[in-house]
Protein backbone atom coordinates (compact mmCIF):
# COMPACT_ATOMS: atom_id res chain seq x y z
CA UNK A 1 24.80 -13.52 -9.33
CA UNK A 2 21.11 -14.04 -9.83
CA UNK A 3 19.05 -11.68 -11.72
CA UNK A 4 15.34 -11.15 -11.53
CA UNK A 5 13.37 -11.29 -14.39
CA UNK A 6 12.17 -7.67 -15.58
CA UNK A 7 8.31 -8.37 -15.32
CA UNK A 8 5.68 -6.13 -13.24
CA UNK A 9 3.41 -7.91 -10.78
CA UNK A 10 -0.05 -8.81 -10.98
CA UNK A 11 -2.00 -4.87 -10.85
CA UNK A 12 -3.35 -4.08 -7.94
CA UNK A 13 -7.50 -3.19 -7.89
CA UNK A 14 -8.07 0.21 -6.14
CA UNK A 15 -9.70 -0.89 -2.90
CA UNK A 16 -12.06 2.22 -2.18
CA UNK A 17 -10.26 3.71 0.66
CA UNK A 18 -8.02 6.32 -0.51
CA UNK A 19 -5.10 5.58 1.93
CA UNK A 20 -4.84 1.98 1.45
CA UNK A 21 -5.38 2.58 -2.02
CA UNK A 22 -1.96 5.43 -1.95
CA UNK A 23 -0.28 2.93 0.40
CA UNK A 24 -0.48 0.10 -2.33
CA UNK A 25 0.43 2.67 -4.94
CA UNK A 26 3.62 3.49 -3.29
CA UNK A 27 4.71 -0.23 -3.41
CA UNK A 28 4.59 0.19 -7.23
CA UNK A 29 6.73 3.10 -7.16
CA UNK A 30 9.53 1.27 -5.36
CA UNK A 31 11.53 0.07 -8.03
CA UNK A 32 11.85 4.08 -9.02
CA UNK A 33 13.51 4.37 -5.67
CA UNK A 34 17.05 3.62 -4.48
CA UNK A 35 17.29 0.42 -2.59
CA UNK A 36 18.45 2.32 0.44
CA UNK A 37 15.03 4.22 0.63
CA UNK A 38 13.19 1.15 0.62
CA UNK A 39 12.68 0.54 4.38
CA UNK A 40 11.63 3.76 4.97
CA UNK A 41 8.96 3.37 2.55
CA UNK A 42 7.74 -0.09 3.82
CA UNK A 43 7.64 1.37 7.39
CA UNK A 44 5.39 4.32 6.26
CA UNK A 45 3.39 1.89 4.28
CA UNK A 46 3.05 -0.63 7.21
CA UNK A 47 2.10 2.50 9.49
CA UNK A 48 -0.80 3.29 7.23
CA UNK A 49 -2.12 -0.46 6.77
CA UNK A 50 -1.98 -1.00 10.51
CA UNK A 51 -3.77 2.58 11.18
CA UNK A 52 -6.37 1.45 9.01
CA UNK A 53 -6.73 -1.81 10.44
CA UNK A 54 -7.23 -0.54 13.73
CA UNK A 55 -9.68 2.31 12.74
CA UNK A 56 -11.83 -0.47 10.57
CA UNK A 57 -15.41 -0.25 11.20
CA UNK A 58 -15.15 3.23 13.31
CA UNK A 59 -15.91 5.55 10.83
CA UNK A 60 -19.86 6.32 10.51
CA UNK A 61 -19.36 7.15 6.69
CA UNK A 62 -18.28 3.72 6.10
CA UNK A 63 -21.19 1.85 7.88
CA UNK A 64 -23.37 2.18 4.82
CA UNK A 65 -26.77 0.95 5.66
CA UNK A 66 -28.44 -1.27 2.93
């Protein structure tokens, strides 16, 4: 049986988008969950990221003028 090293991955820097930052934070917390819950978490995170990409550039508040 192969074991994985007990090392944390690289720290994720905040993106400035609350929904994306929260979704990425959920990835960091996966190790605290039972593996049977991982698929549900991945689906939820994927949904947030897909929605964010689909709406990219549509929020007038995000389109700051220089």
